[in-house]
Amino acid sequence: MSEAAVQLRDLRKVFRRDSMEIVALENIHLEVQRGDFVCLMGPSGSGKSTLLNLVAGIDRPTSGELHVLGEEISRLSESQLAAWRNRHIGFVFQTFNLIPVLTAFENVELPLLLTKLSSKERREHVEMALKLVGLADRMAHYPRQLSGGQEQRVAIARAIVADPTLVLADEPTGDLDAHSADEVLKILQQLNREFGKTVLLVTHDLRAARRATVRHYLDKGLLQDAPPLEMA
C-alpha cells in the first residue's frame, strides 16, 4: 500500500513587498504518494516554483499544513531543516548552478562533503551517480567543456548522489534542446521506475508532462484539475 510522501492542507503563501501583499498560493490541498512521478503544470507566475520551494523546505508557508515524508517541516528550525533537506531532498534547477572552477566529479561530490562518508565512499557514490546519468567518461571535465544537456545531467547526478527520498525538478528542460531534454526526462523516469524515487516536476514542457504518472495544474495560485495534455 502506498503512503503519502507529500501532504499539503490549506496551504497559503503570501509575499509582502512594502505595504503590498502578493498571494502566490491559496488554499492548496495536494497529496503525492511515494513512488509517484508527479508533474505540476501551469503558466508563468502561477506559483509552481513557489510550491516546489515550500516542499523542499527552501521557503516557509504563510499558513496551512506542510507534511513532507512524515515531517511537519514548517515547524523545524533552520538548522534542523538544513539537515533534513540534506538527507531527503535532491533538487534539480533550470539553471544548472554548477561551480565553473570545479570538475563534474567535484560538483557532484559537493553534497557529500556535508556527510560522514570517507573519501573512498564519496568517490564510489559520485562515480555511480555519474554513471547513472551517462557521464562516467566526463568526470574530469569542467562545466565549460560540457554541453547544456551534459551540464544538466551533472546537476541531476549531484541531486541524487546522496540517495535522496524525494527528487524535485524545477523546469529542468527549460534551457535545453529537444534531444538533451529527452535525455534528462529519461533519467528522471528511470529514477522513478527503477529506483523508486518520488519525483515532483515543475514544467511547461508537454513532453515532460507525458512522462509523469500524475499531473496537476496551477493557475493564479490555485490548484485545479489538469486539462488534457493536448490542451495544456
C-alpha atoms as a PDB file:
ATOM      1  CA  MET A   1       0.000   0.000   0.000  1.00  0.00           C
ATOM      2  CA  SER A   2       1.443   3.380  -0.976  1.00  0.00           C
ATOM      3  CA  GLU A   3       1.799   6.180   1.537  1.00  0.00           C
ATOM      4  CA  ALA A   4       1.998   9.912   1.087  1.00  0.00           C
ATOM      5  CA  ALA A   5       5.398  11.496   0.512  1.00  0.00           C
ATOM      6  CA  VAL A   6       3.863  14.984   0.481  1.00  0.00           C
ATOM      7  CA  GLN A   7       0.656  16.193   2.150  1.00  0.00           C
ATOM      8  CA  LEU A   8      -0.401  19.828   1.844  1.00  0.00           C
ATOM      9  CA  ARG A   9      -3.513  21.044   3.623  1.00  0.00           C
ATOM     10  CA  ASP A  10      -4.992  24.519   3.159  1.00  0.00           C
ATOM     11  CA  LEU A  11      -1.543  25.819   2.277  1.00  0.00           C
ATOM     12  CA  ARG A  12      -1.126  29.541   1.703  1.00  0.00           C
ATOM     13  CA  LYS A  13       1.908  31.583   0.740  1.00  0.00           C
ATOM     14  CA  VAL A  14       1.921  35.371   0.721  1.00  0.00           C
ATOM     15  CA  PHE A  15       4.878  37.548  -0.231  1.00  0.00           C
ATOM     16  CA  ARG A  16       4.959  41.035   1.263  1.00  0.00           C
ATOM     17  CA  ARG A  17       6.563  43.947  -0.540  1.00  0.00           C
ATOM     18  CA  ASP A  18       6.341  47.152   1.489  1.00  0.00           C
ATOM     19  CA  SER A  19       2.603  47.545   2.122  1.00  0.00           C
ATOM     20  CA  MET A  20       1.637  45.220  -0.719  1.00  0.00           C
ATOM     21  CA  GLU A  21       0.614  41.596  -0.328  1.00  0.00           C
ATOM     22  CA  ILE A  22       1.145  39.202  -3.229  1.00  0.00           C
ATOM     23  CA  VAL A  23      -0.747  35.916  -2.838  1.00  0.00           C
ATOM     24  CA  ALA A  24       1.375  33.244  -4.516  1.00  0.00           C
ATOM     25  CA  LEU A  25      -0.585  30.198  -3.320  1.00  0.00           C
ATOM     26  CA  GLU A  26      -4.079  29.949  -1.879  1.00  0.00           C
ATOM     27  CA  ASN A  27      -5.951  27.043  -0.279  1.00  0.00           C
ATOM     28  CA  ILE A  28      -3.649  24.341  -1.701  1.00  0.00           C
ATOM     29  CA  HIS A  29      -4.609  20.752  -0.955  1.00  0.00           C
ATOM     30  CA  LEU A  30      -2.250  18.226  -2.504  1.00  0.00           C
ATOM     31  CA  GLU A  31      -1.143  14.678  -1.795  1.00  0.00           C
ATOM     32  CA  VAL A  32       1.792  12.983  -3.519  1.00  0.00           C
ATOM     33  CA  GLN A  33       2.172   9.251  -2.965  1.00  0.00           C
ATOM     34  CA  ARG A  34       5.566   7.640  -2.506  1.00  0.00           C
ATOM     35  CA  GLY A  35       6.821   6.322  -5.824  1.00  0.00           C
ATOM     36  CA  ASP A  36       4.734   8.705  -7.930  1.00  0.00           C
ATOM     37  CA  PHE A  37       6.122  10.787 -10.795  1.00  0.00           C
ATOM     38  CA  VAL A  38       4.102  13.983 -10.440  1.00  0.00           C
ATOM     39  CA  CYS A  39       4.063  16.843 -12.923  1.00  0.00           C
ATOM     40  CA  LEU A  40       2.947  20.307 -11.856  1.00  0.00           C
ATOM     41  CA  MET A  41       1.936  22.431 -14.843  1.00  0.00           C
ATOM     42  CA  GLY A  42       0.648  25.954 -15.302  1.00  0.00           C
ATOM     43  CA  PRO A  43       1.519  29.350 -16.796  1.00  0.00           C
ATOM     44  CA  SER A  44       4.406  31.527 -15.630  1.00  0.00           C
ATOM     45  CA  GLY A  45       3.630  33.199 -12.333  1.00  0.00           C
ATOM     46  CA  SER A  46       1.094  30.570 -11.312  1.00  0.00           C
ATOM     47  CA  GLY A  47       3.005  29.562  -8.150  1.00  0.00           C
ATOM     48  CA  LYS A  48       4.595  26.311  -9.367  1.00  0.00           C
ATOM     49  CA  SER A  49       8.161  27.115  -8.300  1.00  0.00           C
ATOM     50  CA  THR A  50       6.913  28.591  -5.025  1.00  0.00           C
ATOM     51  CA  LEU A  51       5.146  25.319  -4.253  1.00  0.00           C
ATOM     52  CA  LEU A  52       8.266  23.316  -5.080  1.00  0.00           C
ATOM     53  CA  ASN A  53      10.389  25.554  -2.829  1.00  0.00           C
ATOM     54  CA  LEU A  54       7.948  25.001   0.038  1.00  0.00           C
ATOM     55  CA  VAL A  55       8.098  21.212  -0.370  1.00  0.00           C
ATOM     56  CA  ALA A  56      11.905  21.417  -0.421  1.00  0.00           C
ATOM     57  CA  GLY A  57      11.996  23.461   2.755  1.00  0.00           C
ATOM     58  CA  ILE A  58      13.699  26.329   0.904  1.00  0.00           C
ATOM     59  CA  ASP A  59      10.799  28.613   1.828  1.00  0.00           C
ATOM     60  CA  ARG A  60       8.138  28.536   4.535  1.00  0.00           C
ATOM     61  CA  PRO A  61       4.350  28.750   4.139  1.00  0.00           C
ATOM     62  CA  THR A  62       2.360  31.682   5.478  1.00  0.00           C
ATOM     63  CA  SER A  63      -0.247  29.271   6.854  1.00  0.00           C
ATOM     64  CA  GLY A  64      -1.541  25.733   6.455  1.00  0.00           C
ATOM     65  CA  GLU A  65      -0.038  22.283   6.941  1.00  0.00           C
ATOM     66  CA  LEU A  66       3.050  21.078   5.108  1.00  0.00           C
ATOM     67  CA  HIS A  67       3.956  17.437   5.754  1.00  0.00           C
ATOM     68  CA  VAL A  68       6.841  16.017   3.734  1.00  0.00           C
ATOM     69  CA  LEU A  69       7.998  12.438   4.342  1.00  0.00           C
ATOM     70  CA  GLY A  70       6.022  12.362   7.565  1.00  0.00           C
ATOM     71  CA  GLU A  71       7.606  15.545   8.949  1.00  0.00           C
ATOM     72  CA  GLU A  72       5.824  18.854   9.518  1.00  0.00           C
ATOM     73  CA  ILE A  73       8.796  20.720   8.074  1.00  0.00           C
ATOM     74  CA  SER A  74       7.463  24.237   8.662  1.00  0.00           C
ATOM     75  CA  ARG A  75       7.998  23.630  12.386  1.00  0.00           C
ATOM     76  CA  LEU A  76      11.686  22.759  12.055  1.00  0.00           C
ATOM     77  CA  SER A  77      14.409  25.240  12.951  1.00  0.00           C
ATOM     78  CA  GLU A  78      16.743  26.415  10.190  1.00  0.00           C
ATOM     79  CA  SER A  79      19.497  24.006  11.272  1.00  0.00           C
ATOM     80  CA  GLN A  80      17.051  21.095  11.570  1.00  0.00           C
ATOM     81  CA  LEU A  81      15.621  21.969   8.169  1.00  0.00           C
ATOM     82  CA  ALA A  82      19.074  22.067   6.559  1.00  0.00           C
ATOM     83  CA  ALA A  83      19.922  18.622   7.975  1.00  0.00           C
ATOM     84  CA  TRP A  84      16.539  17.230   6.885  1.00  0.00           C
ATOM     85  CA  ARG A  85      16.957  18.649   3.382  1.00  0.00           C
ATOM     86  CA  ASN A  86      20.467  17.194   3.022  1.00  0.00           C
ATOM     87  CA  ARG A  87      19.132  13.760   3.977  1.00  0.00           C
ATOM     88  CA  HIS A  88      15.949  13.650   1.945  1.00  0.00           C
ATOM     89  CA  ILE A  89      15.808  16.183  -0.908  1.00  0.00           C
ATOM     90  CA  GLY A  90      17.507  16.203  -4.301  1.00  0.00           C
ATOM     91  CA  PHE A  91      16.796  19.452  -6.174  1.00  0.00           C
ATOM     92  CA  VAL A  92      17.341  19.993  -9.915  1.00  0.00           C
ATOM     93  CA  PHE A  93      17.129  23.610 -11.101  1.00  0.00           C
ATOM     94  CA  GLN A  94      16.504  25.039 -14.565  1.00  0.00           C
ATOM     95  CA  THR A  95      19.832  26.851 -14.402  1.00  0.00           C
ATOM     96  CA  PHE A  96      22.370  24.149 -13.733  1.00  0.00           C
ATOM     97  CA  ASN A  97      24.109  26.004 -10.865  1.00  0.00           C
ATOM     98  CA  LEU A  98      27.378  24.166 -11.394  1.00  0.00           C
ATOM     99  CA  ILE A  99      30.528  25.759  -9.999  1.00  0.00           C
ATOM    100  CA  PRO A 100      32.683  26.603 -13.036  1.00  0.00           C
ATOM    101  CA  VAL A 101      36.064  26.049 -11.337  1.00  0.00           C
ATOM    102  CA  LEU A 102      35.122  22.524 -10.232  1.00  0.00           C
ATOM    103  CA  THR A 103      35.114  19.394 -12.399  1.00  0.00           C
ATOM    104  CA  ALA A 104      31.974  17.341 -12.929  1.00  0.00           C
ATOM    105  CA  PHE A 105      33.240  14.938 -10.255  1.00  0.00           C
ATOM    106  CA  GLU A 106      33.862  17.758  -7.768  1.00  0.00           C
ATOM    107  CA  ASN A 107      30.473  19.380  -8.450  1.00  0.00           C
ATOM    108  CA  VAL A 108      28.673  16.092  -7.819  1.00  0.00           C
ATOM    109  CA  GLU A 109      30.727  15.409  -4.689  1.00  0.00           C
ATOM    110  CA  LEU A 110      29.765  18.711  -3.032  1.00  0.00           C
ATOM    111  CA  PRO A 111      26.669  17.464  -1.113  1.00  0.00           C
ATOM    112  CA  LEU A 112      28.668  14.523   0.242  1.00  0.00           C
ATOM    113  CA  LEU A 113      31.193  16.829   1.902  1.00  0.00           C
ATOM    114  CA  LEU A 114      28.488  17.514   4.493  1.00  0.00           C
ATOM    115  CA  THR A 115      28.252  13.800   5.354  1.00  0.00           C
ATOM    116  CA  LYS A 116      30.475  11.454   7.359  1.00  0.00           C
ATOM    117  CA  LEU A 117      31.372   9.370   4.310  1.00  0.00           C
ATOM    118  CA  SER A 118      35.049   8.607   3.766  1.00  0.00           C
ATOM    119  CA  SER A 119      36.875   9.840   0.670  1.00  0.00           C
ATOM    120  CA  LYS A 120      36.660   6.344  -0.820  1.00  0.00           C
ATOM    121  CA  GLU A 121      32.914   6.110  -0.130  1.00  0.00           C
ATOM    122  CA  ARG A 122      32.341   9.562  -1.621  1.00  0.00           C
ATOM    123  CA  ARG A 123      34.220   8.539  -4.769  1.00  0.00           C
ATOM    124  CA  GLU A 124      32.081   5.409  -5.119  1.00  0.00           C
ATOM    125  CA  HIS A 125      28.872   7.429  -4.746  1.00  0.00           C
ATOM    126  CA  VAL A 126      29.974  10.072  -7.255  1.00  0.00           C
ATOM    127  CA  GLU A 127      31.107   7.522  -9.836  1.00  0.00           C
ATOM    128  CA  MET A 128      27.804   5.649  -9.501  1.00  0.00           C
ATOM    129  CA  ALA A 129      25.756   8.836  -9.913  1.00  0.00           C
ATOM    130  CA  LEU A 130      27.709   9.986 -12.965  1.00  0.00           C
ATOM    131  CA  LYS A 131      27.472   6.526 -14.491  1.00  0.00           C
ATOM    132  CA  LEU A 132      23.695   6.548 -13.993  1.00  0.00           C
ATOM    133  CA  VAL A 133      23.374   9.808 -15.954  1.00  0.00           C
ATOM    134  CA  GLY A 134      25.713   8.533 -18.694  1.00  0.00           C
ATOM    135  CA  LEU A 135      28.698  10.746 -17.897  1.00  0.00           C
ATOM    136  CA  ALA A 136      31.233   8.343 -16.416  1.00  0.00           C
ATOM    137  CA  ASP A 137      33.669   9.462 -19.128  1.00  0.00           C
ATOM    138  CA  ARG A 138      33.238  13.174 -18.316  1.00  0.00           C
ATOM    139  CA  MET A 139      34.199  13.171 -14.635  1.00  0.00           C
ATOM    140  CA  ALA A 140      37.308  15.324 -15.112  1.00  0.00           C
ATOM    141  CA  HIS A 141      35.597  17.843 -17.414  1.00  0.00           C
ATOM    142  CA  TYR A 142      34.736  21.360 -16.286  1.00  0.00           C
ATOM    143  CA  PRO A 143      31.267  22.820 -16.967  1.00  0.00           C
ATOM    144  CA  ARG A 144      32.619  24.955 -19.847  1.00  0.00           C
ATOM    145  CA  GLN A 145      33.719  21.724 -21.555  1.00  0.00           C
ATOM    146  CA  LEU A 146      30.220  20.237 -21.441  1.00  0.00           C
ATOM    147  CA  SER A 147      27.077  20.825 -23.486  1.00  0.00           C
ATOM    148  CA  GLY A 148      23.973  22.233 -21.808  1.00  0.00           C
ATOM    149  CA  GLY A 149      22.411  18.774 -21.687  1.00  0.00           C
ATOM    150  CA  GLN A 150      25.544  17.315 -20.107  1.00  0.00           C
ATOM    151  CA  GLU A 151      25.628  20.114 -17.538  1.00  0.00           C
ATOM    152  CA  GLN A 152      22.031  19.343 -16.559  1.00  0.00           C
ATOM    153  CA  ARG A 153      22.884  15.650 -16.246  1.00  0.00           C
ATOM    154  CA  VAL A 154      25.773  16.565 -13.937  1.00  0.00           C
ATOM    155  CA  ALA A 155      23.271  18.630 -11.927  1.00  0.00           C
ATOM    156  CA  ILE A 156      20.968  15.601 -11.703  1.00  0.00           C
ATOM    157  CA  ALA A 157      23.889  13.434 -10.573  1.00  0.00           C
ATOM    158  CA  ARG A 158      24.639  15.994  -7.859  1.00  0.00           C
ATOM    159  CA  ALA A 159      20.975  15.985  -6.790  1.00  0.00           C
ATOM    160  CA  ILE A 160      20.848  12.188  -6.421  1.00  0.00           C
ATOM    161  CA  VAL A 161      24.373  11.409  -5.182  1.00  0.00           C
ATOM    162  CA  ALA A 162      23.285  11.334  -1.530  1.00  0.00           C
ATOM    163  CA  ASP A 163      20.390   8.974  -2.398  1.00  0.00           C
ATOM    164  CA  PRO A 164      17.524  11.377  -1.575  1.00  0.00           C
ATOM    165  CA  THR A 165      13.998  10.169  -0.913  1.00  0.00           C
ATOM    166  CA  LEU A 166      12.378  12.896  -2.977  1.00  0.00           C
ATOM    167  CA  VAL A 167      13.638  14.374  -6.272  1.00  0.00           C
ATOM    168  CA  LEU A 168      12.326  17.854  -7.078  1.00  0.00           C
ATOM    169  CA  ALA A 169      12.933  19.344 -10.524  1.00  0.00           C
ATOM    170  CA  ASP A 170      12.085  22.937 -11.454  1.00  0.00           C
ATOM    171  CA  GLU A 171      11.828  23.319 -15.254  1.00  0.00           C
ATOM    172  CA  PRO A 172      14.843  21.012 -15.782  1.00  0.00           C
ATOM    173  CA  THR A 173      14.403  21.013 -19.572  1.00  0.00           C
ATOM    174  CA  GLY A 174      13.676  24.730 -19.924  1.00  0.00           C
ATOM    175  CA  ASP A 175      17.100  25.690 -21.309  1.00  0.00           C
ATOM    176  CA  LEU A 176      17.716  22.540 -23.363  1.00  0.00           C
ATOM    177  CA  ASP A 177      17.242  21.483 -26.971  1.00  0.00           C
ATOM    178  CA  ALA A 178      14.773  18.682 -27.717  1.00  0.00           C
ATOM    179  CA  HIS A 179      17.383  15.887 -27.733  1.00  0.00           C
ATOM    180  CA  SER A 180      19.027  16.973 -24.468  1.00  0.00           C
ATOM    181  CA  ALA A 181      15.617  17.489 -22.855  1.00  0.00           C
ATOM    182  CA  ASP A 182      14.626  13.947 -23.805  1.00  0.00           C
ATOM    183  CA  GLU A 183      17.809  12.545 -22.223  1.00  0.00           C
ATOM    184  CA  VAL A 184      17.100  14.407 -18.975  1.00  0.00           C
ATOM    185  CA  LEU A 185      13.470  13.213 -18.894  1.00  0.00           C
ATOM    186  CA  LYS A 186      14.554   9.614 -19.462  1.00  0.00           C
ATOM    187  CA  ILE A 187      16.865   9.868 -16.445  1.00  0.00           C
ATOM    188  CA  LEU A 188      14.069  11.248 -14.238  1.00  0.00           C
ATOM    189  CA  GLN A 189      11.780   8.480 -15.452  1.00  0.00           C
ATOM    190  CA  GLN A 190      14.468   5.879 -14.722  1.00  0.00           C
ATOM    191  CA  LEU A 191      14.957   7.264 -11.205  1.00  0.00           C
ATOM    192  CA  ASN A 192      11.231   6.861 -10.665  1.00  0.00           C
ATOM    193  CA  ARG A 193      10.672   3.453 -12.284  1.00  0.00           C
ATOM    194  CA  GLU A 194      13.889   1.590 -11.484  1.00  0.00           C
ATOM    195  CA  PHE A 195      14.992   3.229  -8.249  1.00  0.00           C
ATOM    196  CA  GLY A 196      11.589   4.011  -6.761  1.00  0.00           C
ATOM    197  CA  LYS A 197      12.265   7.721  -6.291  1.00  0.00           C
ATOM    198  CA  THR A 198       9.314  10.010  -5.815  1.00  0.00           C
ATOM    199  CA  VAL A 199       9.666  12.754  -8.427  1.00  0.00           C
ATOM    200  CA  LEU A 200       7.901  16.122  -8.384  1.00  0.00           C
ATOM    201  CA  LEU A 201       8.468  18.009 -11.620  1.00  0.00           C
ATOM    202  CA  VAL A 202       7.518  21.587 -12.477  1.00  0.00           C
ATOM    203  CA  THR A 203       7.362  22.176 -16.219  1.00  0.00           C
ATOM    204  CA  HIS A 204       5.820  23.958 -19.208  1.00  0.00           C
ATOM    205  CA  ASP A 205       7.037  21.132 -21.436  1.00  0.00           C
ATOM    206  CA  LEU A 206       4.287  18.805 -22.682  1.00  0.00           C
ATOM    207  CA  ARG A 207       6.909  16.117 -23.428  1.00  0.00           C
ATOM    208  CA  ALA A 208       7.889  16.233 -19.772  1.00  0.00           C
ATOM    209  CA  ALA A 209       4.275  16.122 -18.637  1.00  0.00           C
ATOM    210  CA  ARG A 210       3.648  12.989 -20.672  1.00  0.00           C
ATOM    211  CA  ARG A 211       6.370  11.161 -18.700  1.00  0.00           C
ATOM    212  CA  ALA A 212       4.540  11.721 -15.417  1.00  0.00           C
ATOM    213  CA  THR A 213       2.118   9.286 -13.816  1.00  0.00           C
ATOM    214  CA  VAL A 214       0.134  12.077 -12.106  1.00  0.00           C
ATOM    215  CA  ARG A 215      -0.497  15.629 -13.344  1.00  0.00           C
ATOM    216  CA  HIS A 216      -1.730  18.740 -11.552  1.00  0.00           C
ATOM    217  CA  TYR A 217      -2.350  22.257 -12.817  1.00  0.00           C
ATOM    218  CA  LEU A 218      -1.776  25.568 -11.040  1.00  0.00           C
ATOM    219  CA  ASP A 219      -3.215  28.873 -12.175  1.00  0.00           C
ATOM    220  CA  LYS A 220      -3.063  32.163 -10.249  1.00  0.00           C
ATOM    221  CA  GLY A 221      -2.021  30.315  -7.101  1.00  0.00           C
ATOM    222  CA  LEU A 222      -4.942  27.893  -7.194  1.00  0.00           C
ATOM    223  CA  LEU A 223      -4.676  24.151  -7.783  1.00  0.00           C
ATOM    224  CA  GLN A 224      -7.062  22.944 -10.479  1.00  0.00           C
ATOM    225  CA  ASP A 225      -7.842  19.788 -12.395  1.00  0.00           C
ATOM    226  CA  ALA A 226      -5.205  19.224 -15.060  1.00  0.00           C
ATOM    227  CA  PRO A 227      -6.540  19.814 -18.593  1.00  0.00           C
ATOM    228  CA  PRO A 228      -5.964  17.176 -21.265  1.00  0.00           C
ATOM    229  CA  LEU A 229      -2.355  17.302 -22.446  1.00  0.00           C
ATOM    230  CA  GLU A 230      -3.267  18.407 -25.954  1.00  0.00           C
ATOM    231  CA  MET A 231      -4.986  21.461 -24.405  1.00  0.00           C
ATOM    232  CA  ALA A 232      -2.349  22.221 -21.747  1.00  0.00           C
END
